Amino acid sequence: MTLRTPSTTMLYDPRGQNIQTTYSDGTITRTVYDAKGRAVYTTDRHLPADDTNGTYYIYDALDRVIETRRHKDLVITITDN
């Protein structure tokens, strides 16, 4: 499903989770979720052709973020299965 507003386009996975946001300036952010629906990786806002940095989230047994790790050159590829 895709939702469009005057300034952004949001792409959702079959579970209704926002996996990509495209902004009016052409930059994007992407998110990967685990089986529990928790964000595991998110990219910083970037142009699609550029390398970007991102964040990896670690959760405890109660689904609370207990640690974040920054990564350089994070690539999240979205495919249509």
N, C-alpha and C. Protein backbone atom coordinates (compact mmCIF):
# COMPACT_ATOMS: atom_id res chain seq x y z
N MET A 1 0.84 -1.16 0.00
CA MET A 1 0.00 0.00 0.00
C MET A 1 0.90 1.24 0.00
N THR A 2 0.50 2.25 -0.73
CA THR A 2 1.24 3.50 -0.78
C THR A 2 0.31 4.63 -0.39
N LEU A 3 0.75 5.50 0.50
CA LEU A 3 0.00 6.68 0.90
C LEU A 3 0.77 7.89 0.42
N ARG A 4 0.09 8.80 -0.30
CA ARG A 4 0.75 9.99 -0.84
C ARG A 4 0.16 11.24 -0.18
N THR A 5 1.03 12.14 0.20
CA THR A 5 0.65 13.46 0.66
C THR A 5 1.40 14.46 -0.21
N PRO A 6 1.10 15.74 -0.12
CA PRO A 6 1.80 16.69 -0.98
C PRO A 6 3.32 16.67 -0.82
N SER A 7 3.83 16.26 0.32
CA SER A 7 5.26 16.34 0.53
C SER A 7 5.95 14.98 0.71
N THR A 8 5.19 13.93 0.97
CA THR A 8 5.82 12.63 1.23
C THR A 8 5.03 11.50 0.60
N THR A 9 5.74 10.39 0.36
CA THR A 9 5.10 9.14 -0.05
C THR A 9 5.59 8.07 0.90
N MET A 10 4.66 7.34 1.46
CA MET A 10 5.01 6.29 2.41
C MET A 10 4.65 4.93 1.84
N LEU A 11 5.58 3.99 1.93
CA LEU A 11 5.38 2.63 1.45
C LEU A 11 5.26 1.72 2.65
N TYR A 12 4.24 0.85 2.62
CA TYR A 12 3.97 -0.04 3.75
C TYR A 12 4.12 -1.49 3.33
N ASP A 13 4.52 -2.34 4.27
CA ASP A 13 4.58 -3.77 4.01
C ASP A 13 3.19 -4.38 4.24
N PRO A 14 3.02 -5.69 3.98
CA PRO A 14 1.71 -6.31 4.16
C PRO A 14 1.17 -6.23 5.60
N ARG A 15 2.05 -6.03 6.58
CA ARG A 15 1.61 -5.91 7.97
C ARG A 15 1.22 -4.48 8.34
N GLY A 16 1.32 -3.56 7.38
CA GLY A 16 0.95 -2.17 7.63
C GLY A 16 2.04 -1.34 8.26
N GLN A 17 3.27 -1.83 8.19
CA GLN A 17 4.40 -1.11 8.78
C GLN A 17 5.07 -0.25 7.71
N ASN A 18 5.41 0.98 8.07
CA ASN A 18 6.05 1.90 7.14
C ASN A 18 7.49 1.44 6.90
N ILE A 19 7.76 0.99 5.66
CA ILE A 19 9.10 0.50 5.34
C ILE A 19 9.92 1.52 4.57
N GLN A 20 9.25 2.52 3.96
CA GLN A 20 10.00 3.56 3.27
C GLN A 20 9.18 4.84 3.24
N THR A 21 9.86 5.95 3.48
CA THR A 21 9.26 7.27 3.32
C THR A 21 10.11 8.03 2.31
N THR A 22 9.45 8.57 1.28
CA THR A 22 10.12 9.39 0.28
C THR A 22 9.63 10.82 0.46
N TYR A 23 10.57 11.73 0.64
CA TYR A 23 10.25 13.13 0.91
C TYR A 23 10.24 13.94 -0.38
N SER A 24 9.67 15.12 -0.34
CA SER A 24 9.51 15.95 -1.53
C SER A 24 10.84 16.32 -2.18
N ASP A 25 11.92 16.31 -1.42
CA ASP A 25 13.24 16.63 -1.99
C ASP A 25 13.93 15.40 -2.60
N GLY A 26 13.24 14.25 -2.61
CA GLY A 26 13.79 13.03 -3.20
C GLY A 26 14.55 12.15 -2.23
N THR A 27 14.75 12.61 -1.00
CA THR A 27 15.45 11.78 -0.02
C THR A 27 14.48 10.75 0.55
N ILE A 28 15.06 9.68 1.11
CA ILE A 28 14.26 8.59 1.66
C ILE A 28 14.79 8.15 3.02
N THR A 29 13.94 7.48 3.76
CA THR A 29 14.33 6.69 4.93
C THR A 29 13.72 5.32 4.76
N ARG A 30 14.38 4.30 5.29
CA ARG A 30 13.86 2.93 5.22
C ARG A 30 13.97 2.28 6.59
N THR A 31 13.07 1.34 6.85
CA THR A 31 13.04 0.63 8.13
C THR A 31 12.81 -0.85 7.89
N VAL A 32 13.51 -1.68 8.67
CA VAL A 32 13.33 -3.13 8.67
C VAL A 32 12.78 -3.52 10.04
N TYR A 33 11.79 -4.41 10.04
CA TYR A 33 11.14 -4.85 11.28
C TYR A 33 11.42 -6.33 11.52
N ASP A 34 11.41 -6.73 12.79
CA ASP A 34 11.56 -8.14 13.12
C ASP A 34 10.18 -8.80 13.16
N ALA A 35 10.15 -10.09 13.50
CA ALA A 35 8.89 -10.85 13.52
C ALA A 35 7.88 -10.31 14.52
N LYS A 36 8.35 -9.61 15.55
CA LYS A 36 7.46 -9.01 16.54
C LYS A 36 6.96 -7.63 16.12
N GLY A 37 7.40 -7.15 14.97
CA GLY A 37 6.97 -5.85 14.49
C GLY A 37 7.77 -4.68 15.04
N ARG A 38 8.92 -4.97 15.62
CA ARG A 38 9.77 -3.92 16.18
C ARG A 38 10.77 -3.45 15.13
N ALA A 39 10.99 -2.15 15.05
CA ALA A 39 12.00 -1.62 14.12
C ALA A 39 13.37 -2.15 14.56
N VAL A 40 14.09 -2.75 13.63
CA VAL A 40 15.41 -3.31 13.93
C VAL A 40 16.51 -2.46 13.29
N TYR A 41 16.29 -2.05 12.05
CA TYR A 41 17.23 -1.17 11.36
C TYR A 41 16.45 0.01 10.79
N THR A 42 17.03 1.20 10.88
CA THR A 42 16.50 2.37 10.21
C THR A 42 17.66 3.11 9.55
N THR A 43 17.39 3.64 8.37
CA THR A 43 18.42 4.44 7.71
C THR A 43 18.21 5.91 8.04
N ASP A 44 19.29 6.66 7.97
CA ASP A 44 19.19 8.12 8.02
C ASP A 44 18.58 8.59 6.70
N ARG A 45 18.05 9.78 6.69
CA ARG A 45 17.48 10.35 5.47
C ARG A 45 18.61 10.55 4.46
N HIS A 46 18.39 10.08 3.22
CA HIS A 46 19.43 10.13 2.20
C HIS A 46 18.83 10.07 0.80
N LEU A 47 19.63 10.40 -0.20
CA LEU A 47 19.22 10.21 -1.59
C LEU A 47 19.34 8.73 -1.92
N PRO A 48 18.42 8.17 -2.71
CA PRO A 48 18.42 6.73 -2.96
C PRO A 48 19.73 6.17 -3.51
N ALA A 49 20.46 6.92 -4.31
CA ALA A 49 21.71 6.42 -4.90
C ALA A 49 22.91 6.55 -3.96
N ASP A 50 22.75 7.23 -2.84
CA ASP A 50 23.87 7.48 -1.93
C ASP A 50 23.94 6.43 -0.82
N ASP A 51 25.17 6.18 -0.37
CA ASP A 51 25.36 5.38 0.84
C ASP A 51 24.83 6.18 2.02
N THR A 52 24.39 5.49 3.05
CA THR A 52 23.87 6.20 4.22
C THR A 52 24.27 5.49 5.50
N ASN A 53 24.10 6.18 6.58
CA ASN A 53 24.29 5.58 7.89
C ASN A 53 22.93 5.18 8.43
N GLY A 54 22.94 4.40 9.48
CA GLY A 54 21.68 3.97 10.06
C GLY A 54 21.85 3.49 11.48
N THR A 55 20.75 3.06 12.05
CA THR A 55 20.72 2.63 13.44
C THR A 55 20.17 1.22 13.55
N TYR A 56 20.81 0.41 14.39
CA TYR A 56 20.37 -0.94 14.72
C TYR A 56 19.87 -0.90 16.16
N TYR A 57 18.68 -1.46 16.39
CA TYR A 57 18.06 -1.43 17.72
C TYR A 57 18.06 -2.82 18.34
N ILE A 58 18.43 -2.88 19.62
CA ILE A 58 18.44 -4.14 20.37
C ILE A 58 17.41 -4.01 21.48
N TYR A 59 16.58 -5.04 21.63
CA TYR A 59 15.47 -5.03 22.58
C TYR A 59 15.68 -6.05 23.70
N ASP A 60 15.06 -5.78 24.85
CA ASP A 60 15.07 -6.76 25.93
C ASP A 60 13.82 -7.63 25.83
N ALA A 61 13.63 -8.53 26.79
CA ALA A 61 12.50 -9.46 26.77
C ALA A 61 11.15 -8.75 26.89
N LEU A 62 11.14 -7.52 27.36
CA LEU A 62 9.91 -6.75 27.48
C LEU A 62 9.71 -5.79 26.30
N ASP A 63 10.47 -6.01 25.23
CA ASP A 63 10.39 -5.23 24.00
C ASP A 63 10.79 -3.77 24.17
N ARG A 64 11.65 -3.50 25.13
CA ARG A 64 12.18 -2.15 25.32
C ARG A 64 13.53 -2.05 24.65
N VAL A 65 13.78 -0.92 24.00
CA VAL A 65 15.10 -0.70 23.39
C VAL A 65 16.12 -0.58 24.52
N ILE A 66 17.13 -1.45 24.48
CA ILE A 66 18.16 -1.40 25.52
C ILE A 66 19.50 -0.94 24.97
N GLU A 67 19.62 -0.95 23.64
CA GLU A 67 20.87 -0.51 23.04
C GLU A 67 20.61 -0.12 21.59
N THR A 68 21.32 0.89 21.14
CA THR A 68 21.32 1.24 19.72
C THR A 68 22.76 1.28 19.24
N ARG A 69 22.94 0.86 18.01
CA ARG A 69 24.27 0.87 17.41
C ARG A 69 24.18 1.58 16.08
N ARG A 70 25.11 2.47 15.84
CA ARG A 70 25.17 3.19 14.58
C ARG A 70 26.01 2.39 13.58
N HIS A 71 25.58 2.38 12.35
CA HIS A 71 26.29 1.67 11.28
C HIS A 71 26.54 2.61 10.11
N LYS A 72 27.72 2.47 9.51
CA LYS A 72 28.05 3.23 8.30
C LYS A 72 27.69 2.38 7.09
N ASP A 73 27.37 3.06 5.99
CA ASP A 73 27.11 2.41 4.72
C ASP A 73 26.04 1.32 4.82
N LEU A 74 24.96 1.63 5.51
CA LEU A 74 23.84 0.70 5.67
C LEU A 74 23.01 0.70 4.39
N VAL A 75 22.72 -0.47 3.87
CA VAL A 75 21.91 -0.61 2.66
C VAL A 75 20.71 -1.48 2.99
N ILE A 76 19.51 -0.94 2.77
CA ILE A 76 18.27 -1.70 2.91
C ILE A 76 17.62 -1.72 1.54
N THR A 77 17.45 -2.90 0.98
CA THR A 77 16.85 -3.05 -0.33
C THR A 77 15.42 -3.57 -0.17
N ILE A 78 14.48 -2.92 -0.84
CA ILE A 78 13.09 -3.33 -0.79
C ILE A 78 12.78 -4.05 -2.09
N THR A 79 12.24 -5.27 -1.96
CA THR A 79 11.86 -6.04 -3.13
C THR A 79 10.37 -6.36 -3.04
N ASP A 80 9.76 -6.58 -4.17
CA ASP A 80 8.34 -6.92 -4.23
C ASP A 80 8.24 -8.43 -4.45
N ASN A 81 7.83 -9.14 -3.41
CA ASN A 81 7.74 -10.60 -3.51
C ASN A 81 6.36 -11.00 -3.96
